[in-house]
């Protein structure tokens, strides 16, 4: 576990002079995280996985290896959804099948709709990639 692996409320509770964490805000974010996890499982469970975050505002998603999240981003934006591609978190900017998905700001309804849109973009991307590979194989 990295230095940031502790949950925010745990860190705050260790700091003398700081008030106790706002349990209502914490519970609210956890509920949003649960909404996102359920939507991801339903819409993209066959193409991605993620560790359950114990805090924070984001979910770190790992797509199937054939999904390049940099290449997928334009298609996702065209569907009205955005994320941070995993390559932004690698010093060398290497291709990545990871994405950081935010759950703290949007409402439950927007999370559900965003995941539906993301799923549509991902499936189009995967289908297009498979078609391109088939076309290349036919030419060989």
N, C-alpha and C. Protein backbone atom coordinates (compact mmCIF):
# COMPACT_ATOMS: atom_id res chain seq x y z
N UNK A 1 0.86 -1.17 0.00
CA UNK A 1 0.00 0.00 0.00
C UNK A 1 0.90 1.23 0.00
N UNK A 2 0.58 2.19 -0.85
CA UNK A 2 1.36 3.41 -0.95
C UNK A 2 1.05 4.37 0.18
N UNK A 3 1.75 5.50 0.16
CA UNK A 3 1.58 6.51 1.20
C UNK A 3 0.15 7.05 1.23
N UNK A 4 -0.51 7.04 0.09
CA UNK A 4 -1.88 7.55 0.03
C UNK A 4 -2.92 6.44 0.19
N UNK A 5 -2.44 5.25 0.56
CA UNK A 5 -3.34 4.12 0.69
C UNK A 5 -4.26 4.19 1.90
N UNK A 6 -3.95 5.05 2.86
CA UNK A 6 -4.84 5.21 4.00
C UNK A 6 -6.08 5.98 3.59
N UNK A 7 -7.17 5.70 4.24
CA UNK A 7 -8.39 6.44 3.96
C UNK A 7 -8.29 7.84 4.55
N UNK A 8 -8.89 8.81 3.89
CA UNK A 8 -8.84 10.19 4.33
C UNK A 8 -9.32 10.35 5.77
N UNK A 9 -10.46 9.76 6.18
CA UNK A 9 -10.88 9.92 7.58
C UNK A 9 -9.84 9.40 8.56
N UNK A 10 -9.13 8.32 8.18
CA UNK A 10 -8.09 7.80 9.06
C UNK A 10 -6.97 8.81 9.21
N UNK A 11 -6.57 9.43 8.11
CA UNK A 11 -5.51 10.44 8.15
C UNK A 11 -5.92 11.62 9.01
N UNK A 12 -7.15 12.08 8.84
CA UNK A 12 -7.62 13.23 9.61
C UNK A 12 -7.68 12.89 11.09
N UNK A 13 -8.12 11.67 11.41
CA UNK A 13 -8.24 11.30 12.81
C UNK A 13 -6.88 11.22 13.49
N UNK A 14 -5.80 11.04 12.71
CA UNK A 14 -4.46 11.01 13.27
C UNK A 14 -3.91 12.41 13.52
N UNK A 15 -4.51 13.43 12.92
CA UNK A 15 -3.97 14.79 13.00
C UNK A 15 -4.54 15.50 14.22
N UNK A 16 -3.68 15.85 15.19
CA UNK A 16 -4.19 16.52 16.38
C UNK A 16 -4.75 17.90 16.04
N UNK A 17 -5.85 18.24 16.70
CA UNK A 17 -6.44 19.56 16.49
C UNK A 17 -7.43 19.64 15.35
N UNK A 18 -7.56 18.57 14.57
CA UNK A 18 -8.52 18.57 13.47
C UNK A 18 -9.83 17.96 13.94
N UNK A 19 -10.96 18.50 13.46
CA UNK A 19 -12.25 17.93 13.86
C UNK A 19 -12.43 16.53 13.28
N UNK A 20 -13.34 15.81 13.85
CA UNK A 20 -13.65 14.46 13.35
C UNK A 20 -14.16 14.56 11.92
N UNK A 21 -13.91 13.54 11.10
CA UNK A 21 -14.39 13.57 9.72
C UNK A 21 -15.90 13.71 9.64
N UNK A 22 -16.37 14.32 8.59
CA UNK A 22 -17.80 14.48 8.36
C UNK A 22 -18.35 13.16 7.83
N UNK A 23 -18.91 12.37 8.70
CA UNK A 23 -19.38 11.04 8.33
C UNK A 23 -20.50 11.09 7.30
N UNK A 24 -21.28 12.17 7.27
CA UNK A 24 -22.36 12.27 6.29
C UNK A 24 -21.81 12.44 4.87
N UNK A 25 -20.80 13.30 4.72
CA UNK A 25 -20.18 13.47 3.41
C UNK A 25 -19.50 12.18 2.98
N UNK A 26 -18.86 11.51 3.92
CA UNK A 26 -18.17 10.26 3.62
C UNK A 26 -19.17 9.20 3.14
N UNK A 27 -20.28 9.07 3.84
CA UNK A 27 -21.32 8.11 3.48
C UNK A 27 -21.92 8.44 2.12
N UNK A 28 -22.11 9.73 1.85
CA UNK A 28 -22.66 10.18 0.57
C UNK A 28 -21.75 9.76 -0.58
N UNK A 29 -20.44 9.96 -0.43
CA UNK A 29 -19.49 9.55 -1.48
C UNK A 29 -19.46 8.03 -1.62
N UNK A 30 -19.56 7.31 -0.51
CA UNK A 30 -19.57 5.85 -0.59
C UNK A 30 -20.81 5.37 -1.35
N UNK A 31 -21.94 6.02 -1.15
CA UNK A 31 -23.16 5.65 -1.88
C UNK A 31 -22.96 5.87 -3.37
N UNK A 32 -22.33 6.96 -3.75
CA UNK A 32 -22.06 7.23 -5.17
C UNK A 32 -21.10 6.19 -5.74
N UNK A 33 -20.11 5.82 -4.94
CA UNK A 33 -19.17 4.79 -5.38
C UNK A 33 -19.92 3.49 -5.65
N UNK A 34 -20.84 3.14 -4.76
CA UNK A 34 -21.63 1.91 -4.93
C UNK A 34 -22.48 1.98 -6.20
N UNK A 35 -23.07 3.14 -6.47
CA UNK A 35 -23.86 3.32 -7.70
C UNK A 35 -22.96 3.07 -8.91
N UNK A 36 -21.75 3.65 -8.89
CA UNK A 36 -20.84 3.46 -10.02
C UNK A 36 -20.43 2.01 -10.16
N UNK A 37 -20.10 1.36 -9.06
CA UNK A 37 -19.67 -0.03 -9.13
C UNK A 37 -20.78 -0.94 -9.66
N UNK A 38 -22.00 -0.72 -9.22
CA UNK A 38 -23.13 -1.53 -9.73
C UNK A 38 -23.32 -1.30 -11.23
N UNK A 39 -23.27 -0.04 -11.65
CA UNK A 39 -23.45 0.28 -13.07
C UNK A 39 -22.32 -0.32 -13.90
N UNK A 40 -21.10 -0.23 -13.42
CA UNK A 40 -19.96 -0.81 -14.15
C UNK A 40 -20.11 -2.33 -14.25
N UNK A 41 -20.49 -2.97 -13.17
CA UNK A 41 -20.67 -4.42 -13.20
C UNK A 41 -21.73 -4.84 -14.20
N UNK A 42 -22.81 -4.09 -14.24
CA UNK A 42 -23.92 -4.39 -15.15
C UNK A 42 -23.53 -4.11 -16.61
N UNK A 43 -22.90 -2.99 -16.86
CA UNK A 43 -22.65 -2.53 -18.23
C UNK A 43 -21.31 -3.00 -18.81
N UNK A 44 -20.29 -3.14 -17.96
CA UNK A 44 -18.94 -3.41 -18.47
C UNK A 44 -18.21 -4.51 -17.70
N UNK A 45 -18.93 -5.26 -16.89
CA UNK A 45 -18.28 -6.27 -16.07
C UNK A 45 -17.48 -7.30 -16.84
N UNK A 46 -17.83 -7.52 -18.10
CA UNK A 46 -17.10 -8.49 -18.92
C UNK A 46 -15.84 -7.90 -19.55
N UNK A 47 -15.68 -6.59 -19.50
CA UNK A 47 -14.54 -5.94 -20.16
C UNK A 47 -13.63 -5.17 -19.21
N UNK A 48 -13.96 -5.14 -17.93
CA UNK A 48 -13.12 -4.39 -17.01
C UNK A 48 -13.24 -4.91 -15.59
N UNK A 49 -12.28 -4.48 -14.77
CA UNK A 49 -12.31 -4.78 -13.34
C UNK A 49 -11.79 -3.56 -12.60
N UNK A 50 -11.93 -3.56 -11.30
CA UNK A 50 -11.47 -2.43 -10.49
C UNK A 50 -11.37 -2.88 -9.05
N UNK A 51 -10.39 -2.33 -8.32
CA UNK A 51 -10.36 -2.57 -6.89
C UNK A 51 -11.37 -1.63 -6.22
N UNK A 52 -11.99 -2.08 -5.16
CA UNK A 52 -12.96 -1.22 -4.48
C UNK A 52 -12.21 -0.14 -3.71
N UNK A 53 -12.45 1.13 -4.05
CA UNK A 53 -11.77 2.19 -3.31
C UNK A 53 -12.30 2.28 -1.88
N UNK A 54 -11.40 2.56 -0.95
CA UNK A 54 -11.81 2.71 0.45
C UNK A 54 -11.99 4.17 0.82
N UNK A 55 -11.82 5.04 -0.13
CA UNK A 55 -11.95 6.47 0.10
C UNK A 55 -11.71 7.20 -1.20
N UNK A 56 -11.63 8.48 -1.11
CA UNK A 56 -11.33 9.27 -2.29
C UNK A 56 -12.55 9.58 -3.13
N UNK A 57 -12.27 10.00 -4.34
CA UNK A 57 -13.32 10.50 -5.23
C UNK A 57 -13.33 9.79 -6.58
N UNK A 58 -12.46 8.80 -6.75
CA UNK A 58 -12.27 8.18 -8.05
C UNK A 58 -12.21 6.67 -7.93
N UNK A 59 -12.48 6.03 -9.04
CA UNK A 59 -12.35 4.59 -9.15
C UNK A 59 -11.30 4.33 -10.23
N UNK A 60 -10.35 3.44 -9.98
CA UNK A 60 -9.28 3.11 -10.92
C UNK A 60 -9.70 1.86 -11.68
N UNK A 61 -10.09 2.04 -12.93
CA UNK A 61 -10.63 0.94 -13.74
C UNK A 61 -9.55 0.32 -14.60
N UNK A 62 -9.58 -0.98 -14.72
CA UNK A 62 -8.66 -1.72 -15.59
C UNK A 62 -9.50 -2.43 -16.65
N UNK A 63 -9.39 -1.94 -17.88
CA UNK A 63 -10.13 -2.53 -18.99
C UNK A 63 -9.39 -3.75 -19.52
N UNK A 64 -10.05 -4.54 -20.36
CA UNK A 64 -9.39 -5.64 -21.04
C UNK A 64 -8.20 -5.08 -21.81
N UNK A 65 -7.15 -5.87 -21.95
CA UNK A 65 -5.89 -5.38 -22.52
C UNK A 65 -6.04 -4.80 -23.92
N UNK A 66 -7.04 -5.22 -24.67
CA UNK A 66 -7.21 -4.69 -26.03
C UNK A 66 -7.81 -3.28 -26.05
N UNK A 67 -8.23 -2.77 -24.91
CA UNK A 67 -8.81 -1.43 -24.84
C UNK A 67 -7.71 -0.43 -24.48
N UNK A 68 -7.36 0.42 -25.43
CA UNK A 68 -6.40 1.50 -25.22
C UNK A 68 -7.22 2.72 -24.80
N UNK A 69 -7.10 3.13 -23.54
CA UNK A 69 -7.96 4.20 -23.04
C UNK A 69 -7.65 5.56 -23.66
N UNK A 70 -6.45 5.75 -24.21
CA UNK A 70 -6.17 6.98 -24.95
C UNK A 70 -6.95 6.98 -26.26
N UNK A 71 -6.92 5.86 -26.97
CA UNK A 71 -7.64 5.75 -28.24
C UNK A 71 -9.15 5.80 -28.03
N UNK A 72 -9.61 5.30 -26.92
CA UNK A 72 -11.04 5.28 -26.61
C UNK A 72 -11.59 6.65 -26.22
N UNK A 73 -10.74 7.54 -25.72
CA UNK A 73 -11.21 8.80 -25.15
C UNK A 73 -12.03 9.65 -26.11
N UNK A 74 -11.59 9.79 -27.37
CA UNK A 74 -12.35 10.59 -28.34
C UNK A 74 -13.76 10.04 -28.53
N UNK A 75 -13.86 8.73 -28.61
CA UNK A 75 -15.18 8.10 -28.78
C UNK A 75 -16.05 8.33 -27.54
N UNK A 76 -15.44 8.24 -26.36
CA UNK A 76 -16.18 8.49 -25.12
C UNK A 76 -16.69 9.93 -25.08
N UNK A 77 -15.83 10.88 -25.44
CA UNK A 77 -16.23 12.29 -25.46
C UNK A 77 -17.38 12.50 -26.44
N UNK A 78 -17.32 11.83 -27.59
CA UNK A 78 -18.41 11.93 -28.58
C UNK A 78 -19.73 11.43 -27.99
N UNK A 79 -19.65 10.53 -27.02
CA UNK A 79 -20.85 10.01 -26.35
C UNK A 79 -21.21 10.83 -25.11
N UNK A 80 -20.44 11.89 -24.86
CA UNK A 80 -20.77 12.80 -23.75
C UNK A 80 -20.24 12.38 -22.40
N UNK A 81 -19.17 11.61 -22.38
CA UNK A 81 -18.57 11.17 -21.11
C UNK A 81 -17.05 11.32 -21.21
N UNK A 82 -16.43 11.64 -20.08
CA UNK A 82 -14.99 11.84 -20.08
C UNK A 82 -14.38 11.15 -18.85
N UNK A 83 -13.12 10.77 -18.96
CA UNK A 83 -12.37 10.15 -17.87
C UNK A 83 -10.92 10.56 -18.07
N UNK A 84 -10.06 10.20 -17.13
CA UNK A 84 -8.63 10.44 -17.29
C UNK A 84 -8.00 9.12 -17.70
N UNK A 85 -7.39 9.11 -18.88
CA UNK A 85 -6.74 7.89 -19.38
C UNK A 85 -5.55 7.52 -18.49
N UNK A 86 -5.33 6.24 -18.34
CA UNK A 86 -4.26 5.76 -17.48
C UNK A 86 -2.87 6.24 -17.85
N UNK A 87 -2.64 6.53 -19.12
CA UNK A 87 -1.31 6.99 -19.55
C UNK A 87 -0.90 8.27 -18.84
N UNK A 88 -1.86 9.06 -18.38
CA UNK A 88 -1.55 10.31 -17.66
C UNK A 88 -0.85 10.03 -16.33
N UNK A 89 -0.93 8.79 -15.85
CA UNK A 89 -0.35 8.45 -14.56
C UNK A 89 0.97 7.69 -14.67
N UNK A 90 1.45 7.50 -15.90
CA UNK A 90 2.74 6.85 -16.11
C UNK A 90 3.75 7.91 -16.54
N UNK A 91 4.92 7.89 -15.95
CA UNK A 91 5.95 8.89 -16.26
C UNK A 91 6.29 8.89 -17.74
N UNK A 92 6.34 7.72 -18.34
CA UNK A 92 6.72 7.63 -19.75
C UNK A 92 5.52 7.74 -20.70
N UNK A 93 4.31 7.94 -20.17
CA UNK A 93 3.13 8.12 -21.02
C UNK A 93 2.75 6.90 -21.83
N UNK A 94 3.20 5.73 -21.39
CA UNK A 94 2.94 4.50 -22.16
C UNK A 94 1.45 4.24 -22.36
N UNK A 95 1.14 3.47 -23.40
CA UNK A 95 -0.22 3.03 -23.68
C UNK A 95 -0.75 2.33 -22.44
N UNK A 96 -2.02 2.51 -22.19
CA UNK A 96 -2.60 1.96 -20.98
C UNK A 96 -4.03 1.51 -21.22
N UNK A 97 -4.43 0.50 -20.48
CA UNK A 97 -5.83 0.06 -20.50
C UNK A 97 -6.52 0.45 -19.19
N UNK A 98 -5.93 1.42 -18.48
CA UNK A 98 -6.50 1.92 -17.23
C UNK A 98 -7.20 3.25 -17.45
N UNK A 99 -8.13 3.56 -16.56
CA UNK A 99 -8.81 4.86 -16.58
C UNK A 99 -9.21 5.23 -15.16
N UNK A 100 -9.17 6.53 -14.88
CA UNK A 100 -9.65 7.03 -13.59
C UNK A 100 -11.04 7.59 -13.81
N UNK A 101 -12.02 7.04 -13.10
CA UNK A 101 -13.42 7.44 -13.24
C UNK A 101 -13.86 8.17 -11.96
N UNK A 102 -14.40 9.36 -12.12
CA UNK A 102 -14.83 10.16 -10.96
C UNK A 102 -16.26 9.82 -10.56
N UNK A 103 -16.49 9.68 -9.27
CA UNK A 103 -17.85 9.42 -8.79
C UNK A 103 -18.33 10.45 -7.78
N UNK A 104 -17.49 11.34 -7.32
CA UNK A 104 -17.87 12.24 -6.23
C UNK A 104 -18.80 13.36 -6.66
N UNK A 105 -18.54 13.99 -7.79
CA UNK A 105 -19.32 15.17 -8.19
C UNK A 105 -20.68 14.85 -8.82
N UNK A 106 -20.78 13.89 -9.74
CA UNK A 106 -22.07 13.67 -10.40
C UNK A 106 -23.12 13.05 -9.48
N UNK A 107 -24.39 13.30 -9.82
CA UNK A 107 -25.50 12.68 -9.09
C UNK A 107 -25.56 11.19 -9.42
N UNK A 108 -26.35 10.46 -8.66
CA UNK A 108 -26.53 9.03 -8.93
C UNK A 108 -27.02 8.81 -10.36
N UNK A 109 -27.97 9.63 -10.77
CA UNK A 109 -28.54 9.49 -12.12
C UNK A 109 -27.49 9.75 -13.19
N UNK A 110 -26.67 10.77 -12.98
CA UNK A 110 -25.62 11.09 -13.97
C UNK A 110 -24.55 10.01 -14.01
N UNK A 111 -24.26 9.41 -12.87
CA UNK A 111 -23.31 8.30 -12.84
C UNK A 111 -23.86 7.15 -13.68
N UNK A 112 -25.12 6.78 -13.45
CA UNK A 112 -25.75 5.69 -14.21
C UNK A 112 -25.71 5.98 -15.71
N UNK A 113 -26.12 7.19 -16.09
CA UNK A 113 -26.14 7.56 -17.51
C UNK A 113 -24.72 7.61 -18.08
N UNK A 114 -23.79 8.13 -17.32
CA UNK A 114 -22.40 8.19 -17.78
C UNK A 114 -21.82 6.82 -18.03
N UNK A 115 -22.10 5.87 -17.17
CA UNK A 115 -21.59 4.51 -17.36
C UNK A 115 -22.26 3.85 -18.56
N UNK A 116 -23.56 4.11 -18.78
CA UNK A 116 -24.22 3.58 -19.99
C UNK A 116 -23.54 4.13 -21.24
N UNK A 117 -23.25 5.42 -21.24
CA UNK A 117 -22.59 6.04 -22.40
C UNK A 117 -21.18 5.50 -22.57
N UNK A 118 -20.46 5.36 -21.47
CA UNK A 118 -19.11 4.82 -21.54
C UNK A 118 -19.14 3.40 -22.09
N UNK A 119 -20.09 2.59 -21.64
CA UNK A 119 -20.20 1.21 -22.11
C UNK A 119 -20.44 1.17 -23.62
N UNK A 120 -21.29 2.05 -24.11
CA UNK A 120 -21.55 2.10 -25.55
C UNK A 120 -20.27 2.46 -26.30
N UNK A 121 -19.53 3.44 -25.80
CA UNK A 121 -18.28 3.84 -26.44
C UNK A 121 -17.25 2.71 -26.41
N UNK A 122 -17.13 2.03 -25.28
CA UNK A 122 -16.17 0.92 -25.16
C UNK A 122 -16.52 -0.19 -26.13
N UNK A 123 -17.79 -0.57 -26.20
CA UNK A 123 -18.19 -1.66 -27.10
C UNK A 123 -17.97 -1.29 -28.56
N UNK A 124 -18.25 -0.05 -28.92
CA UNK A 124 -17.95 0.40 -30.29
C UNK A 124 -16.46 0.33 -30.56
N UNK A 125 -15.65 0.76 -29.60
CA UNK A 125 -14.20 0.74 -29.74
C UNK A 125 -13.68 -0.68 -29.92
N UNK A 126 -14.16 -1.59 -29.09
CA UNK A 126 -13.73 -2.99 -29.16
C UNK A 126 -14.18 -3.61 -30.49
N UNK A 127 -15.42 -3.36 -30.91
CA UNK A 127 -15.91 -3.89 -32.18
C UNK A 127 -15.10 -3.35 -33.35
N UNK A 128 -14.79 -2.06 -33.32
CA UNK A 128 -14.00 -1.45 -34.40
C UNK A 128 -12.59 -2.03 -34.43
N UNK A 129 -11.99 -2.23 -33.26
CA UNK A 129 -10.65 -2.81 -33.18
C UNK A 129 -10.65 -4.24 -33.71
N UNK A 130 -11.68 -5.01 -33.36
CA UNK A 130 -11.78 -6.39 -33.84
C UNK A 130 -11.95 -6.43 -35.35
N UNK A 131 -12.75 -5.51 -35.89
CA UNK A 131 -12.95 -5.44 -37.34
C UNK A 131 -11.65 -5.08 -38.03
N UNK A 132 -10.89 -4.15 -37.47
CA UNK A 132 -9.61 -3.75 -38.07
C UNK A 132 -8.64 -4.92 -38.09
N UNK A 133 -8.60 -5.70 -37.01
CA UNK A 133 -7.72 -6.87 -36.98
C UNK A 133 -8.15 -7.92 -37.99
N UNK A 134 -9.44 -8.11 -38.15
CA UNK A 134 -9.95 -9.05 -39.15
C UNK A 134 -9.57 -8.61 -40.55
N UNK A 135 -9.69 -7.32 -40.83
CA UNK A 135 -9.32 -6.78 -42.15
C UNK A 135 -7.83 -6.98 -42.41
N UNK A 136 -7.01 -6.76 -41.41
CA UNK A 136 -5.56 -6.95 -41.57
C UNK A 136 -5.26 -8.42 -41.83
N UNK A 137 -5.89 -9.32 -41.09
CA UNK A 137 -5.66 -10.76 -41.26
C UNK A 137 -6.06 -11.22 -42.65
N UNK A 138 -7.12 -10.66 -43.20
CA UNK A 138 -7.56 -11.04 -44.55
C UNK A 138 -6.54 -10.64 -45.61
N UNK A 139 -5.84 -9.54 -45.37
CA UNK A 139 -4.85 -9.06 -46.34
C UNK A 139 -3.56 -9.86 -46.31
N UNK A 140 -3.35 -10.61 -45.25
CA UNK A 140 -2.09 -11.37 -45.12
C UNK A 140 -2.10 -12.64 -45.91
